[in-house]
């Protein structure tokens, strides 16, 4: 039982962090790219885009 909790807890935390980050990116990109998170995942595809991260 301890082993199951020990393995599942980090996975659950990682999934929660990824979901939170995706939600923040989606909210931030609503004005620039109609809510497409790909603008943040692949900024090189949108070379001179307004919502470039770097």
C-alpha atoms as a PDB file:
ATOM      1  CA  UNK A   1       0.000   0.000   0.000  1.00  0.00           C
ATOM      2  CA  UNK A   2       2.809   2.373   0.845  1.00  0.00           C
ATOM      3  CA  UNK A   3       4.475   1.611  -2.472  1.00  0.00           C
ATOM      4  CA  UNK A   4       1.291   2.454  -4.374  1.00  0.00           C
ATOM      5  CA  UNK A   5       0.974   5.790  -2.571  1.00  0.00           C
ATOM      6  CA  UNK A   6       4.671   6.470  -3.032  1.00  0.00           C
ATOM      7  CA  UNK A   7       4.332   5.993  -6.794  1.00  0.00           C
ATOM      8  CA  UNK A   8       0.958   7.650  -7.305  1.00  0.00           C
ATOM      9  CA  UNK A   9       1.540  10.795  -5.264  1.00  0.00           C
ATOM     10  CA  UNK A  10       4.329  12.306  -7.440  1.00  0.00           C
ATOM     11  CA  UNK A  11       2.373  11.429 -10.572  1.00  0.00           C
ATOM     12  CA  UNK A  12      -0.730  13.166  -9.220  1.00  0.00           C
ATOM     13  CA  UNK A  13       1.293  16.254  -8.290  1.00  0.00           C
ATOM     14  CA  UNK A  14       2.898  16.352 -11.724  1.00  0.00           C
ATOM     15  CA  UNK A  15      -0.465  16.052 -13.470  1.00  0.00           C
ATOM     16  CA  UNK A  16      -1.905  18.832 -11.300  1.00  0.00           C
ATOM     17  CA  UNK A  17       1.008  21.138 -12.112  1.00  0.00           C
ATOM     18  CA  UNK A  18       0.725  20.432 -15.827  1.00  0.00           C
ATOM     19  CA  UNK A  19      -3.013  21.105 -15.764  1.00  0.00           C
ATOM     20  CA  UNK A  20      -2.478  24.379 -13.901  1.00  0.00           C
ATOM     21  CA  UNK A  21       0.228  25.482 -16.321  1.00  0.00           C
ATOM     22  CA  UNK A  22      -1.910  24.621 -19.337  1.00  0.00           C
ATOM     23  CA  UNK A  23      -4.824  26.593 -17.866  1.00  0.00           C
ATOM     24  CA  UNK A  24      -2.646  29.641 -17.253  1.00  0.00           C
ATOM     25  CA  UNK A  25      -1.180  29.509 -20.754  1.00  0.00           C
ATOM     26  CA  UNK A  26      -4.634  29.154 -22.283  1.00  0.00           C
ATOM     27  CA  UNK A  27      -5.997  32.148 -20.388  1.00  0.00           C
ATOM     28  CA  UNK A  28      -2.998  34.266 -21.307  1.00  0.00           C
ATOM     29  CA  UNK A  29      -3.206  33.421 -25.011  1.00  0.00           C
ATOM     30  CA  UNK A  30      -6.921  34.134 -25.439  1.00  0.00           C
ATOM     31  CA  UNK A  31      -6.305  37.663 -26.682  1.00  0.00           C
ATOM     32  CA  UNK A  32      -3.545  36.766 -29.100  1.00  0.00           C
ATOM     33  CA  UNK A  33      -4.359  33.442 -30.728  1.00  0.00           C
ATOM     34  CA  UNK A  34      -8.027  32.695 -29.981  1.00  0.00           C
ATOM     35  CA  UNK A  35      -7.090  30.358 -27.141  1.00  0.00           C
ATOM     36  CA  UNK A  36      -4.792  28.059 -29.094  1.00  0.00           C
ATOM     37  CA  UNK A  37      -2.175  26.733 -26.663  1.00  0.00           C
ATOM     38  CA  UNK A  38       0.048  25.734 -29.592  1.00  0.00           C
ATOM     39  CA  UNK A  39       1.221  29.336 -29.781  1.00  0.00           C
ATOM     40  CA  UNK A  40       2.944  28.763 -26.457  1.00  0.00           C
ATOM     41  CA  UNK A  41       4.087  25.222 -27.142  1.00  0.00           C
ATOM     42  CA  UNK A  42       5.658  26.003 -30.532  1.00  0.00           C
ATOM     43  CA  UNK A  43       6.527  29.723 -30.636  1.00  0.00           C
ATOM     44  CA  UNK A  44       8.841  29.168 -33.594  1.00  0.00           C
ATOM     45  CA  UNK A  45       5.816  28.478 -35.779  1.00  0.00           C
ATOM     46  CA  UNK A  46       4.478  31.959 -35.048  1.00  0.00           C
ATOM     47  CA  UNK A  47       7.715  33.823 -35.719  1.00  0.00           C
ATOM     48  CA  UNK A  48       6.639  37.427 -35.265  1.00  0.00           C
ATOM     49  CA  UNK A  49       3.528  36.709 -33.244  1.00  0.00           C
ATOM     50  CA  UNK A  50       2.386  39.079 -30.562  1.00  0.00           C
ATOM     51  CA  UNK A  51       2.315  36.365 -27.908  1.00  0.00           C
ATOM     52  CA  UNK A  52       5.846  35.082 -28.294  1.00  0.00           C
ATOM     53  CA  UNK A  53       7.244  33.829 -25.013  1.00  0.00           C
ATOM     54  CA  UNK A  54      10.930  34.495 -25.606  1.00  0.00           C
END
